Every structure is written in structure tokens, then in C-alpha cells.
Amino acid sequence: MNKSQLIETVNAFLIDEFEVDENEIVAEANLQEALDLDSLDYVDLVVIIESNFGFKATGEDFQSIVTFQDFYDFLCEKVNCDQ
């Protein structure tokens, strides 16, 4: 999987799961604010990551994730995607 495929996959499940307009999902946007995430939503996000990418994210992983770009980079690093 390359990075653009990963971003497409991530955006598709974010739009579906969090019912967010695709125009809200831009690399520099704040992930938490754009998706209106609360603590239970983060649990959902962990489950979605595990089912789509095969690894379990932790709360500590999300401490450094602020923007969508941070989220994409984190996932890409974990799944060793091609740039």
C-alpha cells in the first residue's frame, strides 16, 4: 500500500464512521476538532485502525497526533507504506 492509497482508505472510513464532510478532511486540519472526537470516539478509532490495518493503536499514540497529516504519517509508519 502506498501513502495515497492509505489516505484514500483512511478518509473513506472517517467519512463513513464519523459522518464528516469530505471537505473537512484536509491534511493541516485538526483531527479532533474536524471529527468532533470525544474519548469514546477515540476507542472507535482504535477499533477501526485495528480492523483496517491489523495493529492496535494506544492512547499514547494519539498524544502526538494533532492534524490529519500527523494521523496519516503515524499510520503509514506503522504499516510501512511506500511514500
N, C-alpha and C. Protein backbone atom coordinates (compact mmCIF):
# COMPACT_ATOMS: atom_id res chain seq x y z
N MET A 1 0.86 -1.18 0.00
CA MET A 1 0.00 0.00 0.00
C MET A 1 0.91 1.24 0.00
N ASN A 2 0.59 2.17 -0.89
CA ASN A 2 1.35 3.42 -0.87
C ASN A 2 0.58 4.46 -0.05
N LYS A 3 1.23 5.60 0.16
CA LYS A 3 0.65 6.60 1.06
C LYS A 3 -0.66 7.16 0.52
N SER A 4 -0.78 7.37 -0.77
CA SER A 4 -2.03 7.91 -1.31
C SER A 4 -3.17 6.91 -1.16
N GLN A 5 -2.88 5.62 -1.30
CA GLN A 5 -3.90 4.59 -1.07
C GLN A 5 -4.32 4.57 0.39
N LEU A 6 -3.35 4.70 1.28
CA LEU A 6 -3.64 4.74 2.71
C LEU A 6 -4.54 5.93 3.03
N ILE A 7 -4.22 7.09 2.48
CA ILE A 7 -5.02 8.30 2.74
C ILE A 7 -6.44 8.12 2.22
N GLU A 8 -6.60 7.52 1.04
CA GLU A 8 -7.94 7.26 0.50
C GLU A 8 -8.73 6.34 1.43
N THR A 9 -8.08 5.28 1.88
CA THR A 9 -8.73 4.32 2.77
C THR A 9 -9.14 4.98 4.09
N VAL A 10 -8.22 5.74 4.67
CA VAL A 10 -8.48 6.42 5.94
C VAL A 10 -9.63 7.41 5.78
N ASN A 11 -9.57 8.23 4.74
CA ASN A 11 -10.62 9.22 4.55
C ASN A 11 -11.98 8.56 4.36
N ALA A 12 -12.02 7.45 3.63
CA ALA A 12 -13.29 6.74 3.41
C ALA A 12 -13.89 6.27 4.73
N PHE A 13 -13.07 5.67 5.61
CA PHE A 13 -13.67 5.20 6.87
C PHE A 13 -13.96 6.33 7.83
N LEU A 14 -13.21 7.43 7.76
CA LEU A 14 -13.53 8.58 8.61
C LEU A 14 -14.86 9.21 8.18
N ILE A 15 -15.05 9.35 6.89
CA ILE A 15 -16.30 9.92 6.37
C ILE A 15 -17.48 9.04 6.76
N ASP A 16 -17.30 7.74 6.62
CA ASP A 16 -18.38 6.79 6.93
C ASP A 16 -18.65 6.71 8.43
N GLU A 17 -17.61 6.52 9.21
CA GLU A 17 -17.77 6.29 10.65
C GLU A 17 -18.16 7.55 11.42
N PHE A 18 -17.55 8.68 11.06
CA PHE A 18 -17.77 9.90 11.83
C PHE A 18 -18.69 10.89 11.14
N GLU A 19 -19.25 10.47 10.00
CA GLU A 19 -20.23 11.27 9.27
C GLU A 19 -19.75 12.70 9.08
N VAL A 20 -18.52 12.82 8.63
CA VAL A 20 -17.92 14.13 8.39
C VAL A 20 -17.90 14.37 6.88
N ASP A 21 -18.07 15.63 6.51
CA ASP A 21 -18.00 16.02 5.11
C ASP A 21 -16.55 15.86 4.63
N GLU A 22 -16.38 15.29 3.45
CA GLU A 22 -15.02 15.07 2.96
C GLU A 22 -14.22 16.36 2.82
N ASN A 23 -14.89 17.49 2.67
CA ASN A 23 -14.20 18.77 2.58
C ASN A 23 -13.57 19.20 3.90
N GLU A 24 -14.01 18.59 5.00
CA GLU A 24 -13.46 18.87 6.32
C GLU A 24 -12.11 18.17 6.53
N ILE A 25 -11.87 17.15 5.72
CA ILE A 25 -10.66 16.35 5.89
C ILE A 25 -9.56 16.89 4.98
N VAL A 26 -8.74 17.74 5.55
CA VAL A 26 -7.58 18.28 4.86
C VAL A 26 -6.36 18.05 5.75
N ALA A 27 -5.23 17.86 5.13
CA ALA A 27 -4.02 17.44 5.85
C ALA A 27 -3.69 18.32 7.05
N GLU A 28 -3.86 19.63 6.92
CA GLU A 28 -3.46 20.53 8.01
C GLU A 28 -4.55 20.78 9.04
N ALA A 29 -5.75 20.23 8.83
CA ALA A 29 -6.85 20.43 9.78
C ALA A 29 -6.62 19.63 11.06
N ASN A 30 -7.15 20.14 12.15
CA ASN A 30 -7.06 19.48 13.44
C ASN A 30 -8.00 18.28 13.45
N LEU A 31 -7.44 17.10 13.65
CA LEU A 31 -8.20 15.84 13.61
C LEU A 31 -9.34 15.83 14.62
N GLN A 32 -9.04 16.16 15.86
CA GLN A 32 -10.04 16.11 16.92
C GLN A 32 -11.18 17.09 16.66
N GLU A 33 -10.86 18.29 16.25
CA GLU A 33 -11.89 19.29 16.01
C GLU A 33 -12.73 18.97 14.78
N ALA A 34 -12.09 18.57 13.69
CA ALA A 34 -12.81 18.28 12.45
C ALA A 34 -13.77 17.11 12.61
N LEU A 35 -13.35 16.10 13.38
CA LEU A 35 -14.19 14.92 13.59
C LEU A 35 -15.04 15.02 14.84
N ASP A 36 -14.85 16.07 15.63
CA ASP A 36 -15.57 16.27 16.89
C ASP A 36 -15.43 15.03 17.79
N LEU A 37 -14.18 14.62 18.00
CA LEU A 37 -13.89 13.40 18.75
C LEU A 37 -13.98 13.59 20.25
N ASP A 38 -14.63 12.63 20.90
CA ASP A 38 -14.59 12.56 22.35
C ASP A 38 -13.86 11.26 22.71
N SER A 39 -13.77 10.95 23.98
CA SER A 39 -12.99 9.78 24.39
C SER A 39 -13.54 8.47 23.82
N LEU A 40 -14.85 8.34 23.70
CA LEU A 40 -15.42 7.13 23.12
C LEU A 40 -15.13 7.03 21.63
N ASP A 41 -15.07 8.17 20.95
CA ASP A 41 -14.74 8.17 19.53
C ASP A 41 -13.31 7.68 19.31
N TYR A 42 -12.42 8.00 20.23
CA TYR A 42 -11.05 7.51 20.11
C TYR A 42 -11.01 5.99 20.23
N VAL A 43 -11.86 5.42 21.08
CA VAL A 43 -11.95 3.97 21.19
C VAL A 43 -12.42 3.40 19.85
N ASP A 44 -13.43 4.02 19.25
CA ASP A 44 -13.90 3.58 17.93
C ASP A 44 -12.79 3.67 16.90
N LEU A 45 -12.02 4.73 16.96
CA LEU A 45 -10.93 4.92 16.02
C LEU A 45 -9.87 3.83 16.17
N VAL A 46 -9.57 3.44 17.39
CA VAL A 46 -8.62 2.36 17.65
C VAL A 46 -9.13 1.06 17.04
N VAL A 47 -10.41 0.77 17.21
CA VAL A 47 -11.01 -0.45 16.66
C VAL A 47 -10.96 -0.43 15.13
N ILE A 48 -11.26 0.72 14.55
CA ILE A 48 -11.23 0.86 13.09
C ILE A 48 -9.81 0.66 12.56
N ILE A 49 -8.84 1.23 13.24
CA ILE A 49 -7.44 1.07 12.83
C ILE A 49 -7.06 -0.41 12.88
N GLU A 50 -7.43 -1.07 13.96
CA GLU A 50 -7.08 -2.48 14.10
C GLU A 50 -7.72 -3.32 13.00
N SER A 51 -8.99 -3.07 12.70
CA SER A 51 -9.67 -3.88 11.69
C SER A 51 -9.19 -3.57 10.27
N ASN A 52 -8.77 -2.33 10.01
CA ASN A 52 -8.33 -1.96 8.66
C ASN A 52 -6.83 -2.18 8.42
N PHE A 53 -6.03 -2.04 9.48
CA PHE A 53 -4.59 -2.08 9.29
C PHE A 53 -3.87 -3.16 10.09
N GLY A 54 -4.58 -3.87 10.94
CA GLY A 54 -4.00 -5.03 11.61
C GLY A 54 -3.08 -4.75 12.79
N PHE A 55 -3.15 -3.57 13.36
CA PHE A 55 -2.38 -3.32 14.58
C PHE A 55 -3.25 -2.51 15.53
N LYS A 56 -2.88 -2.58 16.80
CA LYS A 56 -3.67 -1.88 17.82
C LYS A 56 -2.95 -0.60 18.24
N ALA A 57 -3.62 0.52 18.05
CA ALA A 57 -3.08 1.81 18.49
C ALA A 57 -3.39 1.99 19.97
N THR A 58 -2.60 2.80 20.63
CA THR A 58 -2.81 3.07 22.06
C THR A 58 -3.09 4.55 22.26
N GLY A 59 -3.51 4.89 23.45
CA GLY A 59 -3.75 6.28 23.80
C GLY A 59 -2.50 7.12 23.65
N GLU A 60 -1.35 6.54 23.98
CA GLU A 60 -0.09 7.26 23.85
C GLU A 60 0.19 7.62 22.39
N ASP A 61 -0.23 6.75 21.47
CA ASP A 61 -0.02 7.02 20.05
C ASP A 61 -0.71 8.32 19.63
N PHE A 62 -1.86 8.58 20.20
CA PHE A 62 -2.65 9.74 19.80
C PHE A 62 -2.18 11.04 20.44
N GLN A 63 -1.29 10.97 21.42
CA GLN A 63 -0.82 12.18 22.08
C GLN A 63 -0.05 13.10 21.13
N SER A 64 0.62 12.52 20.15
CA SER A 64 1.40 13.34 19.22
C SER A 64 0.66 13.62 17.91
N ILE A 65 -0.56 13.11 17.80
CA ILE A 65 -1.34 13.30 16.57
C ILE A 65 -2.26 14.51 16.76
N VAL A 66 -2.03 15.53 15.96
CA VAL A 66 -2.85 16.74 16.03
C VAL A 66 -3.64 16.91 14.74
N THR A 67 -2.95 16.80 13.61
CA THR A 67 -3.58 17.03 12.32
C THR A 67 -3.86 15.72 11.60
N PHE A 68 -4.62 15.81 10.53
CA PHE A 68 -4.84 14.63 9.69
C PHE A 68 -3.51 14.13 9.14
N GLN A 69 -2.62 15.07 8.77
CA GLN A 69 -1.30 14.67 8.25
C GLN A 69 -0.54 13.87 9.29
N ASP A 70 -0.58 14.27 10.55
CA ASP A 70 0.05 13.51 11.63
C ASP A 70 -0.53 12.09 11.68
N PHE A 71 -1.84 11.99 11.53
CA PHE A 71 -2.52 10.70 11.57
C PHE A 71 -2.09 9.82 10.40
N TYR A 72 -2.07 10.41 9.20
CA TYR A 72 -1.61 9.65 8.02
C TYR A 72 -0.18 9.18 8.20
N ASP A 73 0.69 10.06 8.67
CA ASP A 73 2.10 9.72 8.86
C ASP A 73 2.26 8.60 9.88
N PHE A 74 1.51 8.68 10.97
CA PHE A 74 1.54 7.64 12.01
C PHE A 74 1.15 6.29 11.42
N LEU A 75 0.03 6.26 10.69
CA LEU A 75 -0.44 5.00 10.11
C LEU A 75 0.54 4.47 9.07
N CYS A 76 1.05 5.35 8.25
CA CYS A 76 1.99 4.96 7.21
C CYS A 76 3.25 4.34 7.82
N GLU A 77 3.72 4.93 8.90
CA GLU A 77 4.89 4.40 9.58
C GLU A 77 4.60 3.00 10.14
N LYS A 78 3.43 2.83 10.73
CA LYS A 78 3.08 1.55 11.35
C LYS A 78 2.91 0.43 10.33
N VAL A 79 2.40 0.75 9.14
CA VAL A 79 2.15 -0.29 8.14
C VAL A 79 3.24 -0.33 7.07
N ASN A 80 4.29 0.48 7.27
CA ASN A 80 5.41 0.52 6.33
C ASN A 80 4.97 0.75 4.89
N CYS A 81 4.14 1.77 4.69
CA CYS A 81 3.66 2.03 3.34
C CYS A 81 4.75 2.73 2.53
N ASP A 82 4.61 2.60 1.22
CA ASP A 82 5.52 3.28 0.30
C ASP A 82 5.13 4.74 0.23
N GLN A 83 6.10 5.61 0.18
CA GLN A 83 5.83 7.04 0.08
C GLN A 83 5.39 7.34 -1.33
